[in-house]
Amino acid sequence: MSKLPKAIGPYSPYRISGNQLYTSGQLPVDPETNELVEGFEAQAKQSFRNIQTIMEMEGKSLADVTKLTVLVSDLANFSTVNTVMEELFSEPYPARTAYQVARLPKDALIEIEAIADLN
């Protein structure tokens, strides 16, 4: 079992530059099945879980995330993103930008990328 889902293209799931960690957009793919989980809330949680796994692989946690970019297929689901974030993060919350997009890879409902401080 891999800790992270298999990439769907020629890219790294994350890279470190200096004291910063940059993730690629994390789709809501279960690393055990390499399939999307179903439902918006479950997808949001899985995308964050994949980011959490990356952080733990580097000896860090979600508390070290400083910036998030959230892509959603429908902004009507945005309040669910807030609810999930409140479950996983505490103040000070990461800075965040969110966009509604026409379509995401694998027809996912959400994709999240993160920047974290490794100091």
PDB file of N, CA and C in Angstrom:
ATOM      1  N   MET A   1       0.849  -1.193   0.000  1.00  0.00           N
ATOM      2  CA  MET A   1       0.000   0.000   0.000  1.00  0.00           C
ATOM      3  C   MET A   1       0.882   1.240   0.000  1.00  0.00           C
ATOM      4  N   SER A   2       0.628   2.133  -0.903  1.00  0.00           N
ATOM      5  CA  SER A   2       1.333   3.405  -0.937  1.00  0.00           C
ATOM      6  C   SER A   2       0.660   4.373   0.021  1.00  0.00           C
ATOM      7  N   LYS A   3       1.456   5.263   0.585  1.00  0.00           N
ATOM      8  CA  LYS A   3       0.888   6.263   1.482  1.00  0.00           C
ATOM      9  C   LYS A   3       0.131   7.344   0.725  1.00  0.00           C
ATOM     10  N   LEU A   4       0.495   7.548  -0.546  1.00  0.00           N
ATOM     11  CA  LEU A   4      -0.137   8.583  -1.360  1.00  0.00           C
ATOM     12  C   LEU A   4      -0.729   7.969  -2.621  1.00  0.00           C
ATOM     13  N   PRO A   5      -1.778   8.606  -3.157  1.00  0.00           N
ATOM     14  CA  PRO A   5      -2.326   8.116  -4.420  1.00  0.00           C
ATOM     15  C   PRO A   5      -1.295   8.226  -5.535  1.00  0.00           C
ATOM     16  N   LYS A   6      -1.434   7.377  -6.524  1.00  0.00           N
ATOM     17  CA  LYS A   6      -0.556   7.424  -7.683  1.00  0.00           C
ATOM     18  C   LYS A   6      -0.846   8.694  -8.481  1.00  0.00           C
ATOM     19  N   ALA A   7       0.202   9.393  -8.892  1.00  0.00           N
ATOM     20  CA  ALA A   7       0.039  10.599  -9.704  1.00  0.00           C
ATOM     21  C   ALA A   7      -0.619  10.243 -11.030  1.00  0.00           C
ATOM     22  N   ILE A   8      -1.418  11.169 -11.549  1.00  0.00           N
ATOM     23  CA  ILE A   8      -2.086  10.913 -12.827  1.00  0.00           C
ATOM     24  C   ILE A   8      -1.342  11.578 -13.981  1.00  0.00           C
ATOM     25  N   GLY A   9      -0.121  12.005 -13.719  1.00  0.00           N
ATOM     26  CA  GLY A   9       0.693  12.635 -14.753  1.00  0.00           C
ATOM     27  C   GLY A   9       2.138  12.716 -14.303  1.00  0.00           C
ATOM     28  N   PRO A  10       2.981  13.371 -15.109  1.00  0.00           N
ATOM     29  CA  PRO A  10       4.408  13.472 -14.795  1.00  0.00           C
ATOM     30  C   PRO A  10       4.702  14.612 -13.816  1.00  0.00           C
ATOM     31  N   TYR A  11       4.345  14.405 -12.555  1.00  0.00           N
ATOM     32  CA  TYR A  11       4.603  15.418 -11.531  1.00  0.00           C
ATOM     33  C   TYR A  11       4.817  14.740 -10.189  1.00  0.00           C
ATOM     34  N   SER A  12       5.430  15.483  -9.281  1.00  0.00           N
ATOM     35  CA  SER A  12       5.668  14.996  -7.921  1.00  0.00           C
ATOM     36  C   SER A  12       4.489  15.383  -7.042  1.00  0.00           C
ATOM     37  N   PRO A  13       4.151  14.565  -6.046  1.00  0.00           N
ATOM     38  CA  PRO A  13       3.065  14.939  -5.148  1.00  0.00           C
ATOM     39  C   PRO A  13       3.426  16.161  -4.300  1.00  0.00           C
ATOM     40  N   TYR A  14       4.741  16.340  -4.060  1.00  0.00           N
ATOM     41  CA  TYR A  14       5.199  17.533  -3.353  1.00  0.00           C
ATOM     42  C   TYR A  14       6.679  17.721  -3.599  1.00  0.00           C
ATOM     43  N   ARG A  15       7.122  18.941  -3.338  1.00  0.00           N
ATOM     44  CA  ARG A  15       8.545  19.277  -3.444  1.00  0.00           C
ATOM     45  C   ARG A  15       8.891  20.202  -2.292  1.00  0.00           C
ATOM     46  N   ILE A  16      10.142  20.136  -1.899  1.00  0.00           N
ATOM     47  CA  ILE A  16      10.659  21.027  -0.864  1.00  0.00           C
ATOM     48  C   ILE A  16      11.676  21.952  -1.509  1.00  0.00           C
ATOM     49  N   SER A  17      11.550  23.236  -1.201  1.00  0.00           N
ATOM     50  CA  SER A  17      12.509  24.236  -1.655  1.00  0.00           C
ATOM     51  C   SER A  17      12.834  25.112  -0.457  1.00  0.00           C
ATOM     52  N   GLY A  18      14.085  25.062  -0.023  1.00  0.00           N
ATOM     53  CA  GLY A  18      14.444  25.809   1.180  1.00  0.00           C
ATOM     54  C   GLY A  18      13.667  25.277   2.365  1.00  0.00           C
ATOM     55  N   ASN A  19      12.991  26.169   3.053  1.00  0.00           N
ATOM     56  CA  ASN A  19      12.193  25.786   4.220  1.00  0.00           C
ATOM     57  C   ASN A  19      10.700  25.706   3.909  1.00  0.00           C
ATOM     58  N   GLN A  20      10.368  25.603   2.626  1.00  0.00           N
ATOM     59  CA  GLN A  20       8.967  25.548   2.221  1.00  0.00           C
ATOM     60  C   GLN A  20       8.657  24.213   1.548  1.00  0.00           C
ATOM     61  N   LEU A  21       7.487  23.689   1.846  1.00  0.00           N
ATOM     62  CA  LEU A  21       6.981  22.486   1.195  1.00  0.00           C
ATOM     63  C   LEU A  21       5.804  22.911   0.329  1.00  0.00           C
ATOM     64  N   TYR A  22       5.811  22.476  -0.916  1.00  0.00           N
ATOM     65  CA  TYR A  22       4.752  22.788  -1.872  1.00  0.00           C
ATOM     66  C   TYR A  22       4.120  21.478  -2.332  1.00  0.00           C
ATOM     67  N   THR A  23       2.807  21.356  -2.170  1.00  0.00           N
ATOM     68  CA  THR A  23       2.143  20.158  -2.682  1.00  0.00           C
ATOM     69  C   THR A  23       1.593  20.438  -4.073  1.00  0.00           C
ATOM     70  N   SER A  24       1.496  19.400  -4.857  1.00  0.00           N
ATOM     71  CA  SER A  24       0.683  19.463  -6.064  1.00  0.00           C
ATOM     72  C   SER A  24      -0.765  19.450  -5.602  1.00  0.00           C
ATOM     73  N   GLY A  25      -1.677  19.772  -6.487  1.00  0.00           N
ATOM     74  CA  GLY A  25      -3.079  19.680  -6.123  1.00  0.00           C
ATOM     75  C   GLY A  25      -3.411  18.255  -5.719  1.00  0.00           C
ATOM     76  N   GLN A  26      -4.021  18.118  -4.554  1.00  0.00           N
ATOM     77  CA  GLN A  26      -4.369  16.795  -4.048  1.00  0.00           C
ATOM     78  C   GLN A  26      -5.831  16.500  -4.359  1.00  0.00           C
ATOM     79  N   LEU A  27      -6.015  15.554  -5.250  1.00  0.00           N
ATOM     80  CA  LEU A  27      -7.357  15.089  -5.569  1.00  0.00           C
ATOM     81  C   LEU A  27      -7.849  14.171  -4.451  1.00  0.00           C
ATOM     82  N   PRO A  28      -9.155  13.992  -4.338  1.00  0.00           N
ATOM     83  CA  PRO A  28      -9.711  13.138  -3.289  1.00  0.00           C
ATOM     84  C   PRO A  28      -9.637  11.656  -3.645  1.00  0.00           C
ATOM     85  N   VAL A  29      -8.424  11.196  -3.860  1.00  0.00           N
ATOM     86  CA  VAL A  29      -8.190   9.813  -4.263  1.00  0.00           C
ATOM     87  C   VAL A  29      -7.706   9.019  -3.060  1.00  0.00           C
ATOM     88  N   ASP A  30      -8.355   7.905  -2.801  1.00  0.00           N
ATOM     89  CA  ASP A  30      -7.950   6.998  -1.729  1.00  0.00           C
ATOM     90  C   ASP A  30      -6.677   6.279  -2.178  1.00  0.00           C
ATOM     91  N   PRO A  31      -5.578   6.387  -1.408  1.00  0.00           N
ATOM     92  CA  PRO A  31      -4.330   5.757  -1.836  1.00  0.00           C
ATOM     93  C   PRO A  31      -4.388   4.231  -1.888  1.00  0.00           C
ATOM     94  N   GLU A  32      -5.320   3.622  -1.181  1.00  0.00           N
ATOM     95  CA  GLU A  32      -5.426   2.159  -1.205  1.00  0.00           C
ATOM     96  C   GLU A  32      -6.059   1.652  -2.493  1.00  0.00           C
ATOM     97  N   THR A  33      -7.002   2.427  -3.038  1.00  0.00           N
ATOM     98  CA  THR A  33      -7.728   1.981  -4.230  1.00  0.00           C
ATOM     99  C   THR A  33      -7.362   2.771  -5.488  1.00  0.00           C
ATOM    100  N   ASN A  34      -6.732   3.917  -5.301  1.00  0.00           N
ATOM    101  CA  ASN A  34      -6.457   4.871  -6.385  1.00  0.00           C
ATOM    102  C   ASN A  34      -7.738   5.302  -7.096  1.00  0.00           C
ATOM    103  N   GLU A  35      -8.832   5.324  -6.364  1.00  0.00           N
ATOM    104  CA  GLU A  35     -10.121   5.771  -6.890  1.00  0.00           C
ATOM    105  C   GLU A  35     -10.611   6.966  -6.081  1.00  0.00           C
ATOM    106  N   LEU A  36     -11.434   7.806  -6.723  1.00  0.00           N
ATOM    107  CA  LEU A  36     -12.059   8.914  -6.011  1.00  0.00           C
ATOM    108  C   LEU A  36     -13.010   8.373  -4.956  1.00  0.00           C
ATOM    109  N   VAL A  37     -13.050   9.036  -3.804  1.00  0.00           N
ATOM    110  CA  VAL A  37     -14.096   8.734  -2.832  1.00  0.00           C
ATOM    111  C   VAL A  37     -15.352   9.466  -3.297  1.00  0.00           C
ATOM    112  N   GLU A  38     -16.505   9.082  -2.770  1.00  0.00           N
ATOM    113  CA  GLU A  38     -17.765   9.641  -3.253  1.00  0.00           C
ATOM    114  C   GLU A  38     -18.340  10.653  -2.285  1.00  0.00           C
ATOM    115  N   GLY A  39     -18.957  11.695  -2.827  1.00  0.00           N
ATOM    116  CA  GLY A  39     -19.606  12.732  -2.041  1.00  0.00           C
ATOM    117  C   GLY A  39     -18.657  13.886  -1.741  1.00  0.00           C
ATOM    118  N   PHE A  40     -19.202  15.111  -1.731  1.00  0.00           N
ATOM    119  CA  PHE A  40     -18.335  16.277  -1.578  1.00  0.00           C
ATOM    120  C   PHE A  40     -17.601  16.292  -0.244  1.00  0.00           C
ATOM    121  N   GLU A  41     -18.298  16.076   0.864  1.00  0.00           N
ATOM    122  CA  GLU A  41     -17.628  16.121   2.172  1.00  0.00           C
ATOM    123  C   GLU A  41     -16.531  15.066   2.261  1.00  0.00           C
ATOM    124  N   ALA A  42     -16.819  13.861   1.820  1.00  0.00           N
ATOM    125  CA  ALA A  42     -15.811  12.793   1.840  1.00  0.00           C
ATOM    126  C   ALA A  42     -14.631  13.158   0.948  1.00  0.00           C
ATOM    127  N   GLN A  43     -14.902  13.798  -0.189  1.00  0.00           N
ATOM    128  CA  GLN A  43     -13.814  14.203  -1.069  1.00  0.00           C
ATOM    129  C   GLN A  43     -12.959  15.287  -0.421  1.00  0.00           C
ATOM    130  N   ALA A  44     -13.591  16.261   0.222  1.00  0.00           N
ATOM    131  CA  ALA A  44     -12.822  17.309   0.904  1.00  0.00           C
ATOM    132  C   ALA A  44     -11.932  16.691   1.979  1.00  0.00           C
ATOM    133  N   LYS A  45     -12.491  15.797   2.774  1.00  0.00           N
ATOM    134  CA  LYS A  45     -11.706  15.156   3.835  1.00  0.00           C
ATOM    135  C   LYS A  45     -10.555  14.345   3.260  1.00  0.00           C
ATOM    136  N   GLN A  46     -10.779  13.653   2.144  1.00  0.00           N
ATOM    137  CA  GLN A  46      -9.716  12.838   1.549  1.00  0.00           C
ATOM    138  C   GLN A  46      -8.602  13.715   0.995  1.00  0.00           C
ATOM    139  N   SER A  47      -8.946  14.816   0.355  1.00  0.00           N
ATOM    140  CA  SER A  47      -7.904  15.717  -0.148  1.00  0.00           C
ATOM    141  C   SER A  47      -7.050  16.235   1.000  1.00  0.00           C
ATOM    142  N   PHE A  48      -7.689  16.641   2.093  1.00  0.00           N
ATOM    143  CA  PHE A  48      -6.931  17.094   3.264  1.00  0.00           C
ATOM    144  C   PHE A  48      -6.138  15.946   3.884  1.00  0.00           C
ATOM    145  N   ARG A  49      -6.705  14.749   3.889  1.00  0.00           N
ATOM    146  CA  ARG A  49      -5.988  13.590   4.429  1.00  0.00           C
ATOM    147  C   ARG A  49      -4.711  13.333   3.627  1.00  0.00           C
ATOM    148  N   ASN A  50      -4.786  13.489   2.318  1.00  0.00           N
ATOM    149  CA  ASN A  50      -3.596  13.309   1.488  1.00  0.00           C
ATOM    150  C   ASN A  50      -2.540  14.364   1.810  1.00  0.00           C
ATOM    151  N   ILE A  51      -2.975  15.604   2.049  1.00  0.00           N
ATOM    152  CA  ILE A  51      -2.033  16.656   2.460  1.00  0.00           C
ATOM    153  C   ILE A  51      -1.447  16.319   3.823  1.00  0.00           C
ATOM    154  N   GLN A  52      -2.282  15.859   4.739  1.00  0.00           N
ATOM    155  CA  GLN A  52      -1.805  15.479   6.070  1.00  0.00           C
ATOM    156  C   GLN A  52      -0.758  14.373   5.969  1.00  0.00           C
ATOM    157  N   THR A  53      -0.966  13.407   5.105  1.00  0.00           N
ATOM    158  CA  THR A  53       0.011  12.329   4.915  1.00  0.00           C
ATOM    159  C   THR A  53       1.348  12.886   4.447  1.00  0.00           C
ATOM    160  N   ILE A  54       1.309  13.807   3.496  1.00  0.00           N
ATOM    161  CA  ILE A  54       2.547  14.435   3.026  1.00  0.00           C
ATOM    162  C   ILE A  54       3.252  15.128   4.182  1.00  0.00           C
ATOM    163  N   MET A  55       2.508  15.877   4.965  1.00  0.00           N
ATOM    164  CA  MET A  55       3.106  16.593   6.096  1.00  0.00           C
ATOM    165  C   MET A  55       3.740  15.611   7.080  1.00  0.00           C
ATOM    166  N   GLU A  56       3.042  14.539   7.387  1.00  0.00           N
ATOM    167  CA  GLU A  56       3.565  13.542   8.326  1.00  0.00           C
ATOM    168  C   GLU A  56       4.801  12.843   7.771  1.00  0.00           C
ATOM    169  N   MET A  57       4.856  12.649   6.452  1.00  0.00           N
ATOM    170  CA  MET A  57       6.039  12.035   5.842  1.00  0.00           C
ATOM    171  C   MET A  57       7.282  12.899   6.070  1.00  0.00           C
ATOM    172  N   GLU A  58       7.078  14.191   6.248  1.00  0.00           N
ATOM    173  CA  GLU A  58       8.182  15.122   6.486  1.00  0.00           C
ATOM    174  C   GLU A  58       8.299  15.518   7.956  1.00  0.00           C
ATOM    175  N   GLY A  59       7.612  14.780   8.839  1.00  0.00           N
ATOM    176  CA  GLY A  59       7.698  15.051  10.268  1.00  0.00           C
ATOM    177  C   GLY A  59       6.954  16.301  10.704  1.00  0.00           C
ATOM    178  N   LYS A  60       5.977  16.708   9.939  1.00  0.00           N
ATOM    179  CA  LYS A  60       5.205  17.914  10.234  1.00  0.00           C
ATOM    180  C   LYS A  60       3.727  17.563  10.334  1.00  0.00           C
ATOM    181  N   SER A  61       2.895  18.593  10.540  1.00  0.00           N
ATOM    182  CA  SER A  61       1.455  18.373  10.657  1.00  0.00           C
ATOM    183  C   SER A  61       0.708  19.453   9.881  1.00  0.00           C
ATOM    184  N   LEU A  62      -0.603  19.346   9.857  1.00  0.00           N
ATOM    185  CA  LEU A  62      -1.411  20.361   9.191  1.00  0.00           C
ATOM    186  C   LEU A  62      -1.230  21.732   9.828  1.00  0.00           C
ATOM    187  N   ALA A  63      -0.816  21.781  11.081  1.00  0.00           N
ATOM    188  CA  ALA A  63      -0.578  23.065  11.753  1.00  0.00           C
ATOM    189  C   ALA A  63       0.538  23.855  11.078  1.00  0.00           C
ATOM    190  N   ASP A  64       1.384  23.184  10.305  1.00  0.00           N
ATOM    191  CA  ASP A  64       2.489  23.853   9.616  1.00  0.00           C
ATOM    192  C   ASP A  64       2.092  24.403   8.245  1.00  0.00           C
ATOM    193  N   VAL A  65       0.875  24.133   7.809  1.00  0.00           N
ATOM    194  CA  VAL A  65       0.394  24.641   6.523  1.00  0.00           C
ATOM    195  C   VAL A  65       0.112  26.134   6.666  1.00  0.00           C
ATOM    196  N   THR A  66       0.684  26.923   5.751  1.00  0.00           N
ATOM    197  CA  THR A  66       0.513  28.375   5.810  1.00  0.00           C
ATOM    198  C   THR A  66      -0.432  28.910   4.738  1.00  0.00           C
ATOM    199  N   LYS A  67      -0.612  28.170   3.644  1.00  0.00           N
ATOM    200  CA  LYS A  67      -1.448  28.650   2.540  1.00  0.00           C
ATOM    201  C   LYS A  67      -2.112  27.475   1.840  1.00  0.00           C
ATOM    202  N   LEU A  68      -3.378  27.638   1.543  1.00  0.00           N
ATOM    203  CA  LEU A  68      -4.144  26.640   0.796  1.00  0.00           C
ATOM    204  C   LEU A  68      -4.753  27.283  -0.442  1.00  0.00           C
ATOM    205  N   THR A  69      -4.796  26.533  -1.512  1.00  0.00           N
ATOM    206  CA  THR A  69      -5.573  26.910  -2.687  1.00  0.00           C
ATOM    207  C   THR A  69      -6.575  25.787  -2.913  1.00  0.00           C
ATOM    208  N   VAL A  70      -7.846  26.153  -2.893  1.00  0.00           N
ATOM    209  CA  VAL A  70      -8.928  25.174  -2.982  1.00  0.00           C
ATOM    210  C   VAL A  70      -9.669  25.391  -4.301  1.00  0.00           C
ATOM    211  N   LEU A  71      -9.760  24.348  -5.088  1.00  0.00           N
ATOM    212  CA  LEU A  71     -10.510  24.380  -6.341  1.00  0.00           C
ATOM    213  C   LEU A  71     -11.743  23.503  -6.168  1.00  0.00           C
ATOM    214  N   VAL A  72     -12.913  24.066  -6.428  1.00  0.00           N
ATOM    215  CA  VAL A  72     -14.155  23.301  -6.296  1.00  0.00           C
ATOM    216  C   VAL A  72     -14.945  23.392  -7.594  1.00  0.00           C
ATOM    217  N   SER A  73     -15.735  22.375  -7.846  1.00  0.00           N
ATOM    218  CA  SER A  73     -16.561  22.366  -9.053  1.00  0.00           C
ATOM    219  C   SER A  73     -17.833  23.187  -8.873  1.00  0.00           C
ATOM    220  N   ASP A  74     -18.195  23.482  -7.611  1.00  0.00           N
ATOM    221  CA  ASP A  74     -19.416  24.241  -7.337  1.00  0.00           C
ATOM    222  C   ASP A  74     -19.250  24.981  -6.013  1.00  0.00           C
ATOM    223  N   LEU A  75     -19.271  26.318  -6.056  1.00  0.00           N
ATOM    224  CA  LEU A  75     -19.112  27.104  -4.829  1.00  0.00           C
ATOM    225  C   LEU A  75     -20.261  26.903  -3.847  1.00  0.00           C
ATOM    226  N   ALA A  76     -21.345  26.295  -4.275  1.00  0.00           N
ATOM    227  CA  ALA A  76     -22.429  25.981  -3.344  1.00  0.00           C
ATOM    228  C   ALA A  76     -21.949  25.036  -2.248  1.00  0.00           C
ATOM    229  N   ASN A  77     -20.879  24.294  -2.515  1.00  0.00           N
ATOM    230  CA  ASN A  77     -20.317  23.366  -1.523  1.00  0.00           C
ATOM    231  C   ASN A  77     -19.277  24.014  -0.617  1.00  0.00           C
ATOM    232  N   PHE A  78     -19.041  25.307  -0.789  1.00  0.00           N
ATOM    233  CA  PHE A  78     -17.934  25.934  -0.078  1.00  0.00           C
ATOM    234  C   PHE A  78     -18.102  25.915   1.437  1.00  0.00           C
ATOM    235  N   SER A  79     -19.322  26.013   1.944  1.00  0.00           N
ATOM    236  CA  SER A  79     -19.519  25.968   3.396  1.00  0.00           C
ATOM    237  C   SER A  79     -19.045  24.632   3.965  1.00  0.00           C
ATOM    238  N   THR A  80     -19.122  23.577   3.184  1.00  0.00           N
ATOM    239  CA  THR A  80     -18.616  22.278   3.634  1.00  0.00           C
ATOM    240  C   THR A  80     -17.103  22.315   3.779  1.00  0.00           C
ATOM    241  N   VAL A  81     -16.419  23.031   2.883  1.00  0.00           N
ATOM    242  CA  VAL A  81     -14.965  23.192   3.016  1.00  0.00           C
ATOM    243  C   VAL A  81     -14.654  23.855   4.353  1.00  0.00           C
ATOM    244  N   ASN A  82     -15.410  24.899   4.704  1.00  0.00           N
ATOM    245  CA  ASN A  82     -15.190  25.577   5.985  1.00  0.00           C
ATOM    246  C   ASN A  82     -15.395  24.629   7.160  1.00  0.00           C
ATOM    247  N   THR A  83     -16.443  23.837   7.104  1.00  0.00           N
ATOM    248  CA  THR A  83     -16.726  22.892   8.190  1.00  0.00           C
ATOM    249  C   THR A  83     -15.599  21.877   8.342  1.00  0.00           C
ATOM    250  N   VAL A  84     -15.138  21.319   7.238  1.00  0.00           N
ATOM    251  CA  VAL A  84     -14.052  20.337   7.287  1.00  0.00           C
ATOM    252  C   VAL A  84     -12.777  20.995   7.805  1.00  0.00           C
ATOM    253  N   MET A  85     -12.501  22.217   7.355  1.00  0.00           N
ATOM    254  CA  MET A  85     -11.299  22.906   7.842  1.00  0.00           C
ATOM    255  C   MET A  85     -11.363  23.153   9.343  1.00  0.00           C
ATOM    256  N   GLU A  86     -12.534  23.509   9.853  1.00  0.00           N
ATOM    257  CA  GLU A  86     -12.676  23.734  11.294  1.00  0.00           C
ATOM    258  C   GLU A  86     -12.422  22.457  12.086  1.00  0.00           C
ATOM    259  N   GLU A  87     -12.690  21.295  11.482  1.00  0.00           N
ATOM    260  CA  GLU A  87     -12.418  20.019  12.145  1.00  0.00           C
ATOM    261  C   GLU A  87     -10.924  19.702  12.172  1.00  0.00           C
ATOM    262  N   LEU A  88     -10.192  20.136  11.143  1.00  0.00           N
ATOM    263  CA  LEU A  88      -8.800  19.724  10.966  1.00  0.00           C
ATOM    264  C   LEU A  88      -7.770  20.765  11.383  1.00  0.00           C
ATOM    265  N   PHE A  89      -8.138  22.037  11.351  1.00  0.00           N
ATOM    266  CA  PHE A  89      -7.208  23.120  11.648  1.00  0.00           C
ATOM    267  C   PHE A  89      -7.696  23.896  12.859  1.00  0.00           C
ATOM    268  N   SER A  90      -6.772  24.597  13.494  1.00  0.00           N
ATOM    269  CA  SER A  90      -7.143  25.533  14.550  1.00  0.00           C
ATOM    270  C   SER A  90      -6.477  26.867  14.245  1.00  0.00           C
ATOM    271  N   GLU A  91      -6.918  27.904  14.931  1.00  0.00           N
ATOM    272  CA  GLU A  91      -6.347  29.232  14.697  1.00  0.00           C
ATOM    273  C   GLU A  91      -4.888  29.256  15.118  1.00  0.00           C
ATOM    274  N   PRO A  92      -4.044  29.964  14.409  1.00  0.00           N
ATOM    275  CA  PRO A  92      -4.347  30.734  13.212  1.00  0.00           C
ATOM    276  C   PRO A  92      -4.486  29.812  11.999  1.00  0.00           C
ATOM    277  N   TYR A  93      -5.600  29.968  11.304  1.00  0.00           N
ATOM    278  CA  TYR A  93      -5.856  29.152  10.121  1.00  0.00           C
ATOM    279  C   TYR A  93      -4.892  29.532   8.996  1.00  0.00           C
ATOM    280  N   PRO A  94      -4.651  28.616   8.061  1.00  0.00           N
ATOM    281  CA  PRO A  94      -3.832  28.982   6.903  1.00  0.00           C
ATOM    282  C   PRO A  94      -4.536  30.059   6.068  1.00  0.00           C
ATOM    283  N   ALA A  95      -3.747  30.862   5.374  1.00  0.00           N
ATOM    284  CA  ALA A  95      -4.333  31.734   4.359  1.00  0.00           C
ATOM    285  C   ALA A  95      -4.953  30.819   3.306  1.00  0.00           C
ATOM    286  N   ARG A  96      -5.971  31.332   2.602  1.00  0.00           N
ATOM    287  CA  ARG A  96      -6.665  30.450   1.662  1.00  0.00           C
ATOM    288  C   ARG A  96      -7.227  31.244   0.491  1.00  0.00           C
ATOM    289  N   THR A  97      -7.121  30.659  -0.670  1.00  0.00           N
ATOM    290  CA  THR A  97      -7.764  31.171  -1.877  1.00  0.00           C
ATOM    291  C   THR A  97      -8.632  30.045  -2.414  1.00  0.00           C
ATOM    292  N   ALA A  98      -9.809  30.403  -2.916  1.00  0.00           N
ATOM    293  CA  ALA A  98     -10.703  29.378  -3.457  1.00  0.00           C
ATOM    294  C   ALA A  98     -11.246  29.829  -4.809  1.00  0.00           C
ATOM    295  N   TYR A  99     -11.384  28.871  -5.692  1.00  0.00           N
ATOM    296  CA  TYR A  99     -11.916  29.123  -7.028  1.00  0.00           C
ATOM    297  C   TYR A  99     -12.932  28.052  -7.381  1.00  0.00           C
ATOM    298  N   GLN A 100     -13.977  28.472  -8.098  1.00  0.00           N
ATOM    299  CA  GLN A 100     -14.838  27.498  -8.765  1.00  0.00           C
ATOM    300  C   GLN A 100     -14.266  27.301 -10.157  1.00  0.00           C
ATOM    301  N   VAL A 101     -14.146  26.051 -10.552  1.00  0.00           N
ATOM    302  CA  VAL A 101     -13.589  25.731 -11.866  1.00  0.00           C
ATOM    303  C   VAL A 101     -14.601  24.913 -12.663  1.00  0.00           C
ATOM    304  N   ALA A 102     -14.441  24.924 -13.969  1.00  0.00           N
ATOM    305  CA  ALA A 102     -15.383  24.211 -14.838  1.00  0.00           C
ATOM    306  C   ALA A 102     -15.293  22.702 -14.662  1.00  0.00           C
ATOM    307  N   ARG A 103     -14.068  22.206 -14.477  1.00  0.00           N
ATOM    308  CA  ARG A 103     -13.898  20.754 -14.359  1.00  0.00           C
ATOM    309  C   ARG A 103     -12.548  20.458 -13.735  1.00  0.00           C
ATOM    310  N   LEU A 104     -12.492  19.389 -12.962  1.00  0.00           N
ATOM    311  CA  LEU A 104     -11.253  18.941 -12.331  1.00  0.00           C
ATOM    312  C   LEU A 104     -10.867  17.570 -12.871  1.00  0.00           C
ATOM    313  N   PRO A 105      -9.593  17.212 -12.773  1.00  0.00           N
ATOM    314  CA  PRO A 105      -9.174  15.883 -13.226  1.00  0.00           C
ATOM    315  C   PRO A 105     -10.006  14.783 -12.566  1.00  0.00           C
ATOM    316  N   LYS A 106     -10.274  13.749 -13.319  1.00  0.00           N
ATOM    317  CA  LYS A 106     -11.052  12.583 -12.867  1.00  0.00           C
ATOM    318  C   LYS A 106     -12.482  12.957 -12.480  1.00  0.00           C
ATOM    319  N   ASP A 107     -12.913  14.159 -12.880  1.00  0.00           N
ATOM    320  CA  ASP A 107     -14.232  14.684 -12.509  1.00  0.00           C
ATOM    321  C   ASP A 107     -14.410  14.795 -11.001  1.00  0.00           C
ATOM    322  N   ALA A 108     -13.313  15.063 -10.300  1.00  0.00           N
ATOM    323  CA  ALA A 108     -13.378  15.293  -8.853  1.00  0.00           C
ATOM    324  C   ALA A 108     -14.208  16.543  -8.578  1.00  0.00           C
ATOM    325  N   LEU A 109     -14.712  16.637  -7.364  1.00  0.00           N
ATOM    326  CA  LEU A 109     -15.488  17.801  -6.940  1.00  0.00           C
ATOM    327  C   LEU A 109     -14.612  18.844  -6.263  1.00  0.00           C
ATOM    328  N   ILE A 110     -13.385  18.459  -5.863  1.00  0.00           N
ATOM    329  CA  ILE A 110     -12.486  19.351  -5.140  1.00  0.00           C
ATOM    330  C   ILE A 110     -11.044  18.922  -5.390  1.00  0.00           C
ATOM    331  N   GLU A 111     -10.154  19.889  -5.354  1.00  0.00           N
ATOM    332  CA  GLU A 111      -8.711  19.648  -5.406  1.00  0.00           C
ATOM    333  C   GLU A 111      -8.069  20.718  -4.531  1.00  0.00           C
ATOM    334  N   ILE A 112      -7.095  20.333  -3.721  1.00  0.00           N
ATOM    335  CA  ILE A 112      -6.481  21.270  -2.780  1.00  0.00           C
ATOM    336  C   ILE A 112      -4.970  21.177  -2.882  1.00  0.00           C
ATOM    337  N   GLU A 113      -4.330  22.347  -2.937  1.00  0.00           N
ATOM    338  CA  GLU A 113      -2.868  22.383  -2.858  1.00  0.00           C
ATOM    339  C   GLU A 113      -2.481  23.192  -1.629  1.00  0.00           C
ATOM    340  N   ALA A 114      -1.299  22.900  -1.108  1.00  0.00           N
ATOM    341  CA  ALA A 114      -0.858  23.532   0.135  1.00  0.00           C
ATOM    342  C   ALA A 114       0.589  23.977   0.040  1.00  0.00           C
ATOM    343  N   ILE A 115       0.891  24.993   0.818  1.00  0.00           N
ATOM    344  CA  ILE A 115       2.258  25.434   1.060  1.00  0.00           C
ATOM    345  C   ILE A 115       2.448  25.367   2.565  1.00  0.00           C
ATOM    346  N   ALA A 116       3.591  24.846   2.993  1.00  0.00           N
ATOM    347  CA  ALA A 116       3.843  24.702   4.427  1.00  0.00           C
ATOM    348  C   ALA A 116       5.240  25.193   4.772  1.00  0.00           C
ATOM    349  N   ASP A 117       5.369  25.664   5.996  1.00  0.00           N
ATOM    350  CA  ASP A 117       6.646  26.118   6.541  1.00  0.00           C
ATOM    351  C   ASP A 117       7.288  24.945   7.268  1.00  0.00           C
ATOM    352  N   LEU A 118       8.514  24.618   6.915  1.00  0.00           N
ATOM    353  CA  LEU A 118       9.204  23.482   7.533  1.00  0.00           C
ATOM    354  C   LEU A 118      10.124  23.892   8.684  1.00  0.00           C
ATOM    355  N   ASN A 119      10.154  25.175   9.029  1.00  0.00           N
ATOM    356  CA  ASN A 119      10.994  25.610  10.167  1.00  0.00           C
ATOM    357  C   ASN A 119      10.499  25.030  11.467  1.00  0.00           C
TER     358      ASN A 119
END
